[in-house]
Amino acid sequence: MAQQDKTREVYGKVVARTWRDPAFKAKLLADPQGTLKGAGITVPAGAKVTVLENTATHFHLVLPPKPTDALSDDALDRVAGGVMHCGGASCTDEDH
């Protein structure tokens, strides 16, 4: 779990930097893998990285890979649960 926290922290710093530094943002959009590597984020070999930007009128929903273990519908709901983040858009989540 500590590794996940560290990864979230590094991703958060990358996002914050894009908000402060337009040149860094342009670099991230143009070369996501190289820019992430430079920020200390390891991208697995052969993985493709796409950077998308949410706006007040357009947000992207990223679907995580389906778990490989057989889970009940209730367990899937718990695994997939969480807080929706929609940028400037107004989003709701019936469970929260």
PDB file of N, CA and C in Angstrom:
ATOM      1  N   MET A   1       0.817  -1.189   0.000  1.00  0.00           N
ATOM      2  CA  MET A   1       0.000   0.000   0.000  1.00  0.00           C
ATOM      3  C   MET A   1       0.867   1.261   0.000  1.00  0.00           C
ATOM      4  N   ALA A   2       2.008   1.230   0.628  1.00  0.00           N
ATOM      5  CA  ALA A   2       2.890   2.392   0.679  1.00  0.00           C
ATOM      6  C   ALA A   2       3.336   2.793  -0.724  1.00  0.00           C
ATOM      7  N   GLN A   3       3.568   1.820  -1.601  1.00  0.00           N
ATOM      8  CA  GLN A   3       3.964   2.112  -2.977  1.00  0.00           C
ATOM      9  C   GLN A   3       2.844   2.833  -3.716  1.00  0.00           C
ATOM     10  N   GLN A   4       1.588   2.420  -3.498  1.00  0.00           N
ATOM     11  CA  GLN A   4       0.449   3.090  -4.128  1.00  0.00           C
ATOM     12  C   GLN A   4       0.356   4.536  -3.657  1.00  0.00           C
ATOM     13  N   ASP A   5       0.581   4.769  -2.378  1.00  0.00           N
ATOM     14  CA  ASP A   5       0.551   6.124  -1.841  1.00  0.00           C
ATOM     15  C   ASP A   5       1.643   6.976  -2.477  1.00  0.00           C
ATOM     16  N   LYS A   6       2.825   6.404  -2.638  1.00  0.00           N
ATOM     17  CA  LYS A   6       3.946   7.116  -3.250  1.00  0.00           C
ATOM     18  C   LYS A   6       3.623   7.447  -4.704  1.00  0.00           C
ATOM     19  N   THR A   7       3.042   6.480  -5.419  1.00  0.00           N
ATOM     20  CA  THR A   7       2.681   6.700  -6.818  1.00  0.00           C
ATOM     21  C   THR A   7       1.646   7.804  -6.936  1.00  0.00           C
ATOM     22  N   ARG A   8       0.614   7.777  -6.074  1.00  0.00           N
ATOM     23  CA  ARG A   8      -0.405   8.836  -6.075  1.00  0.00           C
ATOM     24  C   ARG A   8       0.217  10.200  -5.799  1.00  0.00           C
ATOM     25  N   GLU A   9       1.155  10.238  -4.874  1.00  0.00           N
ATOM     26  CA  GLU A   9       1.824  11.497  -4.537  1.00  0.00           C
ATOM     27  C   GLU A   9       2.583  12.046  -5.742  1.00  0.00           C
ATOM     28  N   VAL A  10       3.310  11.170  -6.431  1.00  0.00           N
ATOM     29  CA  VAL A  10       4.081  11.607  -7.592  1.00  0.00           C
ATOM     30  C   VAL A  10       3.142  12.069  -8.708  1.00  0.00           C
ATOM     31  N   TYR A  11       2.063  11.307  -8.963  1.00  0.00           N
ATOM     32  CA  TYR A  11       1.081  11.730  -9.964  1.00  0.00           C
ATOM     33  C   TYR A  11       0.489  13.085  -9.588  1.00  0.00           C
ATOM     34  N   GLY A  12       0.181  13.275  -8.322  1.00  0.00           N
ATOM     35  CA  GLY A  12      -0.361  14.552  -7.868  1.00  0.00           C
ATOM     36  C   GLY A  12       0.593  15.702  -8.141  1.00  0.00           C
ATOM     37  N   LYS A  13       1.886  15.468  -7.944  1.00  0.00           N
ATOM     38  CA  LYS A  13       2.880  16.500  -8.215  1.00  0.00           C
ATOM     39  C   LYS A  13       2.958  16.814  -9.703  1.00  0.00           C
ATOM     40  N   VAL A  14       2.823  15.777 -10.536  1.00  0.00           N
ATOM     41  CA  VAL A  14       2.828  15.996 -11.984  1.00  0.00           C
ATOM     42  C   VAL A  14       1.627  16.848 -12.381  1.00  0.00           C
ATOM     43  N   VAL A  15       0.455  16.511 -11.872  1.00  0.00           N
ATOM     44  CA  VAL A  15      -0.749  17.282 -12.191  1.00  0.00           C
ATOM     45  C   VAL A  15      -0.589  18.731 -11.719  1.00  0.00           C
ATOM     46  N   ALA A  16      -0.139  18.920 -10.498  1.00  0.00           N
ATOM     47  CA  ALA A  16       0.040  20.278  -9.968  1.00  0.00           C
ATOM     48  C   ALA A  16       1.031  21.069 -10.828  1.00  0.00           C
ATOM     49  N   ARG A  17       2.068  20.404 -11.284  1.00  0.00           N
ATOM     50  CA  ARG A  17       3.051  21.099 -12.115  1.00  0.00           C
ATOM     51  C   ARG A  17       2.447  21.516 -13.453  1.00  0.00           C
ATOM     52  N   THR A  18       1.556  20.685 -14.015  1.00  0.00           N
ATOM     53  CA  THR A  18       0.923  21.070 -15.286  1.00  0.00           C
ATOM     54  C   THR A  18       0.071  22.322 -15.112  1.00  0.00           C
ATOM     55  N   TRP A  19      -0.508  22.487 -13.922  1.00  0.00           N
ATOM     56  CA  TRP A  19      -1.330  23.674 -13.658  1.00  0.00           C
ATOM     57  C   TRP A  19      -0.477  24.936 -13.526  1.00  0.00           C
ATOM     58  N   ARG A  20       0.755  24.776 -13.013  1.00  0.00           N
ATOM     59  CA  ARG A  20       1.647  25.918 -12.798  1.00  0.00           C
ATOM     60  C   ARG A  20       2.507  26.253 -14.003  1.00  0.00           C
ATOM     61  N   ASP A  21       2.852  25.223 -14.794  1.00  0.00           N
ATOM     62  CA  ASP A  21       3.896  25.363 -15.806  1.00  0.00           C
ATOM     63  C   ASP A  21       3.377  24.938 -17.184  1.00  0.00           C
ATOM     64  N   PRO A  22       2.937  25.888 -17.995  1.00  0.00           N
ATOM     65  CA  PRO A  22       2.399  25.554 -19.318  1.00  0.00           C
ATOM     66  C   PRO A  22       3.393  24.803 -20.210  1.00  0.00           C
ATOM     67  N   ALA A  23       4.685  25.090 -20.078  1.00  0.00           N
ATOM     68  CA  ALA A  23       5.686  24.387 -20.889  1.00  0.00           C
ATOM     69  C   ALA A  23       5.770  22.911 -20.487  1.00  0.00           C
ATOM     70  N   PHE A  24       5.702  22.652 -19.186  1.00  0.00           N
ATOM     71  CA  PHE A  24       5.711  21.260 -18.717  1.00  0.00           C
ATOM     72  C   PHE A  24       4.466  20.531 -19.208  1.00  0.00           C
ATOM     73  N   LYS A  25       3.320  21.204 -19.147  1.00  0.00           N
ATOM     74  CA  LYS A  25       2.071  20.608 -19.621  1.00  0.00           C
ATOM     75  C   LYS A  25       2.184  20.255 -21.101  1.00  0.00           C
ATOM     76  N   ALA A  26       2.701  21.167 -21.900  1.00  0.00           N
ATOM     77  CA  ALA A  26       2.870  20.906 -23.334  1.00  0.00           C
ATOM     78  C   ALA A  26       3.794  19.722 -23.567  1.00  0.00           C
ATOM     79  N   LYS A  27       4.858  19.637 -22.776  1.00  0.00           N
ATOM     80  CA  LYS A  27       5.796  18.523 -22.892  1.00  0.00           C
ATOM     81  C   LYS A  27       5.121  17.204 -22.523  1.00  0.00           C
ATOM     82  N   LEU A  28       4.314  17.216 -21.449  1.00  0.00           N
ATOM     83  CA  LEU A  28       3.604  16.014 -21.028  1.00  0.00           C
ATOM     84  C   LEU A  28       2.627  15.550 -22.111  1.00  0.00           C
ATOM     85  N   LEU A  29       1.920  16.485 -22.721  1.00  0.00           N
ATOM     86  CA  LEU A  29       0.976  16.140 -23.781  1.00  0.00           C
ATOM     87  C   LEU A  29       1.698  15.599 -25.014  1.00  0.00           C
ATOM     88  N   ALA A  30       2.872  16.157 -25.321  1.00  0.00           N
ATOM     89  CA  ALA A  30       3.627  15.755 -26.505  1.00  0.00           C
ATOM     90  C   ALA A  30       4.412  14.457 -26.307  1.00  0.00           C
ATOM     91  N   ASP A  31       4.944  14.258 -25.110  1.00  0.00           N
ATOM     92  CA  ASP A  31       5.789  13.089 -24.826  1.00  0.00           C
ATOM     93  C   ASP A  31       5.483  12.565 -23.423  1.00  0.00           C
ATOM     94  N   PRO A  32       4.314  11.916 -23.262  1.00  0.00           N
ATOM     95  CA  PRO A  32       3.927  11.478 -21.926  1.00  0.00           C
ATOM     96  C   PRO A  32       4.938  10.538 -21.280  1.00  0.00           C
ATOM     97  N   GLN A  33       5.418   9.552 -22.022  1.00  0.00           N
ATOM     98  CA  GLN A  33       6.319   8.570 -21.417  1.00  0.00           C
ATOM     99  C   GLN A  33       7.629   9.192 -20.962  1.00  0.00           C
ATOM    100  N   GLY A  34       8.222  10.006 -21.806  1.00  0.00           N
ATOM    101  CA  GLY A  34       9.483  10.646 -21.438  1.00  0.00           C
ATOM    102  C   GLY A  34       9.324  11.614 -20.287  1.00  0.00           C
ATOM    103  N   THR A  35       8.239  12.358 -20.301  1.00  0.00           N
ATOM    104  CA  THR A  35       7.992  13.336 -19.247  1.00  0.00           C
ATOM    105  C   THR A  35       7.718  12.642 -17.917  1.00  0.00           C
ATOM    106  N   LEU A  36       6.906  11.585 -17.946  1.00  0.00           N
ATOM    107  CA  LEU A  36       6.642  10.841 -16.713  1.00  0.00           C
ATOM    108  C   LEU A  36       7.921  10.202 -16.179  1.00  0.00           C
ATOM    109  N   LYS A  37       8.721   9.651 -17.072  1.00  0.00           N
ATOM    110  CA  LYS A  37       9.991   9.046 -16.647  1.00  0.00           C
ATOM    111  C   LYS A  37      10.868  10.098 -15.970  1.00  0.00           C
ATOM    112  N   GLY A  38      10.915  11.278 -16.556  1.00  0.00           N
ATOM    113  CA  GLY A  38      11.698  12.365 -15.970  1.00  0.00           C
ATOM    114  C   GLY A  38      11.178  12.795 -14.608  1.00  0.00           C
ATOM    115  N   ALA A  39       9.884  12.553 -14.361  1.00  0.00           N
ATOM    116  CA  ALA A  39       9.275  12.905 -13.080  1.00  0.00           C
ATOM    117  C   ALA A  39       9.381  11.770 -12.067  1.00  0.00           C
ATOM    118  N   GLY A  40      10.008  10.662 -12.467  1.00  0.00           N
ATOM    119  CA  GLY A  40      10.188   9.548 -11.538  1.00  0.00           C
ATOM    120  C   GLY A  40       9.096   8.499 -11.572  1.00  0.00           C
ATOM    121  N   ILE A  41       8.273   8.519 -12.628  1.00  0.00           N
ATOM    122  CA  ILE A  41       7.207   7.525 -12.765  1.00  0.00           C
ATOM    123  C   ILE A  41       7.626   6.502 -13.808  1.00  0.00           C
ATOM    124  N   THR A  42       7.665   5.251 -13.409  1.00  0.00           N
ATOM    125  CA  THR A  42       8.048   4.180 -14.315  1.00  0.00           C
ATOM    126  C   THR A  42       6.863   3.758 -15.168  1.00  0.00           C
ATOM    127  N   VAL A  43       7.069   3.770 -16.463  1.00  0.00           N
ATOM    128  CA  VAL A  43       6.052   3.297 -17.402  1.00  0.00           C
ATOM    129  C   VAL A  43       6.537   1.938 -17.906  1.00  0.00           C
ATOM    130  N   PRO A  44       5.718   0.894 -17.739  1.00  0.00           N
ATOM    131  CA  PRO A  44       6.148  -0.434 -18.180  1.00  0.00           C
ATOM    132  C   PRO A  44       6.499  -0.449 -19.669  1.00  0.00           C
ATOM    133  N   ALA A  45       7.506  -1.230 -20.019  1.00  0.00           N
ATOM    134  CA  ALA A  45       7.917  -1.361 -21.418  1.00  0.00           C
ATOM    135  C   ALA A  45       6.731  -1.813 -22.258  1.00  0.00           C
ATOM    136  N   GLY A  46       6.562  -1.197 -23.401  1.00  0.00           N
ATOM    137  CA  GLY A  46       5.483  -1.563 -24.301  1.00  0.00           C
ATOM    138  C   GLY A  46       4.146  -0.932 -23.973  1.00  0.00           C
ATOM    139  N   ALA A  47       4.065  -0.217 -22.846  1.00  0.00           N
ATOM    140  CA  ALA A  47       2.802   0.423 -22.462  1.00  0.00           C
ATOM    141  C   ALA A  47       2.651   1.737 -23.222  1.00  0.00           C
ATOM    142  N   LYS A  48       1.430   2.038 -23.611  1.00  0.00           N
ATOM    143  CA  LYS A  48       1.118   3.295 -24.282  1.00  0.00           C
ATOM    144  C   LYS A  48       0.478   4.223 -23.255  1.00  0.00           C
ATOM    145  N   VAL A  49       0.927   5.460 -23.214  1.00  0.00           N
ATOM    146  CA  VAL A  49       0.382   6.444 -22.287  1.00  0.00           C
ATOM    147  C   VAL A  49      -0.326   7.519 -23.102  1.00  0.00           C
ATOM    148  N   THR A  50      -1.564   7.804 -22.727  1.00  0.00           N
ATOM    149  CA  THR A  50      -2.329   8.880 -23.341  1.00  0.00           C
ATOM    150  C   THR A  50      -2.705   9.862 -22.249  1.00  0.00           C
ATOM    151  N   VAL A  51      -2.410  11.129 -22.468  1.00  0.00           N
ATOM    152  CA  VAL A  51      -2.759  12.168 -21.502  1.00  0.00           C
ATOM    153  C   VAL A  51      -3.970  12.910 -22.052  1.00  0.00           C
ATOM    154  N   LEU A  52      -5.026  12.955 -21.264  1.00  0.00           N
ATOM    155  CA  LEU A  52      -6.256  13.653 -21.624  1.00  0.00           C
ATOM    156  C   LEU A  52      -6.531  14.711 -20.569  1.00  0.00           C
ATOM    157  N   GLU A  53      -7.133  15.806 -20.981  1.00  0.00           N
ATOM    158  CA  GLU A  53      -7.418  16.880 -20.037  1.00  0.00           C
ATOM    159  C   GLU A  53      -8.922  17.069 -19.891  1.00  0.00           C
ATOM    160  N   ASN A  54      -9.414  17.009 -18.661  1.00  0.00           N
ATOM    161  CA  ASN A  54     -10.807  17.315 -18.383  1.00  0.00           C
ATOM    162  C   ASN A  54     -11.001  18.826 -18.423  1.00  0.00           C
ATOM    163  N   THR A  55     -12.202  19.238 -18.831  1.00  0.00           N
ATOM    164  CA  THR A  55     -12.555  20.654 -18.821  1.00  0.00           C
ATOM    165  C   THR A  55     -13.886  20.799 -18.098  1.00  0.00           C
ATOM    166  N   ALA A  56     -14.389  22.001 -18.035  1.00  0.00           N
ATOM    167  CA  ALA A  56     -15.677  22.229 -17.388  1.00  0.00           C
ATOM    168  C   ALA A  56     -16.823  21.570 -18.150  1.00  0.00           C
ATOM    169  N   THR A  57     -16.616  21.305 -19.428  1.00  0.00           N
ATOM    170  CA  THR A  57     -17.696  20.736 -20.240  1.00  0.00           C
ATOM    171  C   THR A  57     -17.381  19.366 -20.816  1.00  0.00           C
ATOM    172  N   HIS A  58     -16.205  18.857 -20.576  1.00  0.00           N
ATOM    173  CA  HIS A  58     -15.810  17.567 -21.136  1.00  0.00           C
ATOM    174  C   HIS A  58     -14.910  16.842 -20.134  1.00  0.00           C
ATOM    175  N   PHE A  59     -15.341  15.668 -19.717  1.00  0.00           N
ATOM    176  CA  PHE A  59     -14.470  14.889 -18.844  1.00  0.00           C
ATOM    177  C   PHE A  59     -14.364  13.472 -19.375  1.00  0.00           C
ATOM    178  N   HIS A  60     -13.295  12.814 -18.988  1.00  0.00           N
ATOM    179  CA  HIS A  60     -12.990  11.471 -19.454  1.00  0.00           C
ATOM    180  C   HIS A  60     -13.170  10.494 -18.303  1.00  0.00           C
ATOM    181  N   LEU A  61     -13.844   9.431 -18.567  1.00  0.00           N
ATOM    182  CA  LEU A  61     -13.999   8.353 -17.594  1.00  0.00           C
ATOM    183  C   LEU A  61     -13.038   7.253 -18.004  1.00  0.00           C
ATOM    184  N   VAL A  62     -12.097   6.948 -17.159  1.00  0.00           N
ATOM    185  CA  VAL A  62     -11.112   5.914 -17.454  1.00  0.00           C
ATOM    186  C   VAL A  62     -11.551   4.627 -16.771  1.00  0.00           C
ATOM    187  N   LEU A  63     -11.757   3.615 -17.574  1.00  0.00           N
ATOM    188  CA  LEU A  63     -12.156   2.318 -17.034  1.00  0.00           C
ATOM    189  C   LEU A  63     -10.907   1.504 -16.707  1.00  0.00           C
ATOM    190  N   PRO A  64     -10.764   1.072 -15.471  1.00  0.00           N
ATOM    191  CA  PRO A  64      -9.611   0.236 -15.120  1.00  0.00           C
ATOM    192  C   PRO A  64      -9.792  -1.152 -15.714  1.00  0.00           C
ATOM    193  N   PRO A  65      -8.715  -1.920 -15.797  1.00  0.00           N
ATOM    194  CA  PRO A  65      -8.850  -3.288 -16.290  1.00  0.00           C
ATOM    195  C   PRO A  65      -9.769  -4.092 -15.374  1.00  0.00           C
ATOM    196  N   LYS A  66     -10.517  -4.997 -15.962  1.00  0.00           N
ATOM    197  CA  LYS A  66     -11.398  -5.865 -15.188  1.00  0.00           C
ATOM    198  C   LYS A  66     -10.542  -6.794 -14.329  1.00  0.00           C
ATOM    199  N   PRO A  67     -10.903  -6.967 -13.053  1.00  0.00           N
ATOM    200  CA  PRO A  67     -10.143  -7.894 -12.199  1.00  0.00           C
ATOM    201  C   PRO A  67     -10.154  -9.298 -12.811  1.00  0.00           C
ATOM    202  N   THR A  68      -9.041  -9.973 -12.667  1.00  0.00           N
ATOM    203  CA  THR A  68      -8.944 -11.317 -13.239  1.00  0.00           C
ATOM    204  C   THR A  68      -9.580 -12.365 -12.340  1.00  0.00           C
ATOM    205  N   ASP A  69      -9.717 -12.070 -11.050  1.00  0.00           N
ATOM    206  CA  ASP A  69     -10.369 -13.012 -10.139  1.00  0.00           C
ATOM    207  C   ASP A  69     -11.879 -12.880 -10.274  1.00  0.00           C
ATOM    208  N   ALA A  70     -12.587 -13.969 -10.062  1.00  0.00           N
ATOM    209  CA  ALA A  70     -14.049 -13.927 -10.092  1.00  0.00           C
ATOM    210  C   ALA A  70     -14.542 -13.233  -8.831  1.00  0.00           C
ATOM    211  N   LEU A  71     -15.270 -12.134  -9.014  1.00  0.00           N
ATOM    212  CA  LEU A  71     -15.810 -11.390  -7.891  1.00  0.00           C
ATOM    213  C   LEU A  71     -17.325 -11.292  -8.038  1.00  0.00           C
ATOM    214  N   SER A  72     -18.016 -11.262  -6.916  1.00  0.00           N
ATOM    215  CA  SER A  72     -19.459 -11.078  -6.943  1.00  0.00           C
ATOM    216  C   SER A  72     -19.760  -9.644  -7.381  1.00  0.00           C
ATOM    217  N   ASP A  73     -20.994  -9.376  -7.785  1.00  0.00           N
ATOM    218  CA  ASP A  73     -21.377  -8.024  -8.161  1.00  0.00           C
ATOM    219  C   ASP A  73     -21.153  -7.054  -6.999  1.00  0.00           C
ATOM    220  N   ASP A  74     -21.474  -7.488  -5.782  1.00  0.00           N
ATOM    221  CA  ASP A  74     -21.282  -6.643  -4.609  1.00  0.00           C
ATOM    222  C   ASP A  74     -19.796  -6.332  -4.401  1.00  0.00           C
ATOM    223  N   ALA A  75     -18.956  -7.348  -4.553  1.00  0.00           N
ATOM    224  CA  ALA A  75     -17.516  -7.146  -4.385  1.00  0.00           C
ATOM    225  C   ALA A  75     -16.980  -6.223  -5.477  1.00  0.00           C
ATOM    226  N   LEU A  76     -17.471  -6.369  -6.712  1.00  0.00           N
ATOM    227  CA  LEU A  76     -17.044  -5.485  -7.789  1.00  0.00           C
ATOM    228  C   LEU A  76     -17.431  -4.041  -7.489  1.00  0.00           C
ATOM    229  N   ASP A  77     -18.635  -3.853  -6.944  1.00  0.00           N
ATOM    230  CA  ASP A  77     -19.066  -2.504  -6.579  1.00  0.00           C
ATOM    231  C   ASP A  77     -18.142  -1.893  -5.539  1.00  0.00           C
ATOM    232  N   ARG A  78     -17.713  -2.691  -4.563  1.00  0.00           N
ATOM    233  CA  ARG A  78     -16.810  -2.182  -3.519  1.00  0.00           C
ATOM    234  C   ARG A  78     -15.445  -1.851  -4.105  1.00  0.00           C
ATOM    235  N   VAL A  79     -14.939  -2.705  -4.997  1.00  0.00           N
ATOM    236  CA  VAL A  79     -13.626  -2.475  -5.601  1.00  0.00           C
ATOM    237  C   VAL A  79     -13.661  -1.238  -6.475  1.00  0.00           C
ATOM    238  N   ALA A  80     -14.736  -1.066  -7.234  1.00  0.00           N
ATOM    239  CA  ALA A  80     -14.838   0.050  -8.172  1.00  0.00           C
ATOM    240  C   ALA A  80     -15.336   1.321  -7.511  1.00  0.00           C
ATOM    241  N   GLY A  81     -15.800   1.226  -6.263  1.00  0.00           N
ATOM    242  CA  GLY A  81     -16.342   2.401  -5.579  1.00  0.00           C
ATOM    243  C   GLY A  81     -15.287   3.445  -5.337  1.00  0.00           C
ATOM    244  N   GLY A  82     -15.727   4.616  -5.018  1.00  0.00           N
ATOM    245  CA  GLY A  82     -14.789   5.689  -4.737  1.00  0.00           C
ATOM    246  C   GLY A  82     -15.395   7.014  -5.098  1.00  0.00           C
ATOM    247  N   VAL A  83     -14.575   7.992  -5.133  1.00  0.00           N
ATOM    248  CA  VAL A  83     -15.022   9.345  -5.397  1.00  0.00           C
ATOM    249  C   VAL A  83     -14.821   9.647  -6.870  1.00  0.00           C
ATOM    250  N   MET A  84     -15.860  10.163  -7.498  1.00  0.00           N
ATOM    251  CA  MET A  84     -15.736  10.583  -8.887  1.00  0.00           C
ATOM    252  C   MET A  84     -15.099  11.956  -8.917  1.00  0.00           C
ATOM    253  N   HIS A  85     -14.169  12.167  -9.834  1.00  0.00           N
ATOM    254  CA  HIS A  85     -13.555  13.477 -10.004  1.00  0.00           C
ATOM    255  C   HIS A  85     -13.799  13.896 -11.446  1.00  0.00           C
ATOM    256  N   CYS A  86     -14.487  14.981 -11.625  1.00  0.00           N
ATOM    257  CA  CYS A  86     -14.875  15.397 -12.970  1.00  0.00           C
ATOM    258  C   CYS A  86     -14.338  16.769 -13.325  1.00  0.00           C
ATOM    259  N   GLY A  87     -13.297  17.175 -12.714  1.00  0.00           N
ATOM    260  CA  GLY A  87     -12.754  18.493 -13.015  1.00  0.00           C
ATOM    261  C   GLY A  87     -13.747  19.569 -12.670  1.00  0.00           C
ATOM    262  N   GLY A  88     -14.012  20.466 -13.581  1.00  0.00           N
ATOM    263  CA  GLY A  88     -14.954  21.542 -13.356  1.00  0.00           C
ATOM    264  C   GLY A  88     -16.402  21.111 -13.559  1.00  0.00           C
ATOM    265  N   ALA A  89     -16.600  19.897 -14.097  1.00  0.00           N
ATOM    266  CA  ALA A  89     -17.961  19.434 -14.353  1.00  0.00           C
ATOM    267  C   ALA A  89     -18.632  19.038 -13.059  1.00  0.00           C
ATOM    268  N   SER A  90     -19.925  19.091 -13.038  1.00  0.00           N
ATOM    269  CA  SER A  90     -20.675  18.683 -11.855  1.00  0.00           C
ATOM    270  C   SER A  90     -21.012  17.206 -11.979  1.00  0.00           C
ATOM    271  N   CYS A  91     -20.496  16.395 -11.092  1.00  0.00           N
ATOM    272  CA  CYS A  91     -20.743  14.957 -11.141  1.00  0.00           C
ATOM    273  C   CYS A  91     -21.336  14.514  -9.817  1.00  0.00           C
ATOM    274  N   THR A  92     -22.081  13.459  -9.875  1.00  0.00           N
ATOM    275  CA  THR A  92     -22.619  12.887  -8.650  1.00  0.00           C
ATOM    276  C   THR A  92     -22.344  11.405  -8.633  1.00  0.00           C
ATOM    277  N   ASP A  93     -22.369  10.837  -7.467  1.00  0.00           N
ATOM    278  CA  ASP A  93     -22.178   9.414  -7.282  1.00  0.00           C
ATOM    279  C   ASP A  93     -23.250   8.986  -6.287  1.00  0.00           C
ATOM    280  N   GLU A  94     -24.135   8.097  -6.712  1.00  0.00           N
ATOM    281  CA  GLU A  94     -25.280   7.726  -5.883  1.00  0.00           C
ATOM    282  C   GLU A  94     -24.886   7.126  -4.543  1.00  0.00           C
ATOM    283  N   ASP A  95     -23.701   6.495  -4.480  1.00  0.00           N
ATOM    284  CA  ASP A  95     -23.278   5.855  -3.240  1.00  0.00           C
ATOM    285  C   ASP A  95     -22.621   6.821  -2.270  1.00  0.00           C
ATOM    286  N   HIS A  96     -22.257   8.018  -2.702  1.00  0.00           N
ATOM    287  CA  HIS A  96     -21.517   8.942  -1.836  1.00  0.00           C
ATOM    288  C   HIS A  96     -22.200  10.266  -1.770  1.00  0.00           C
TER     289      HIS A  96
END
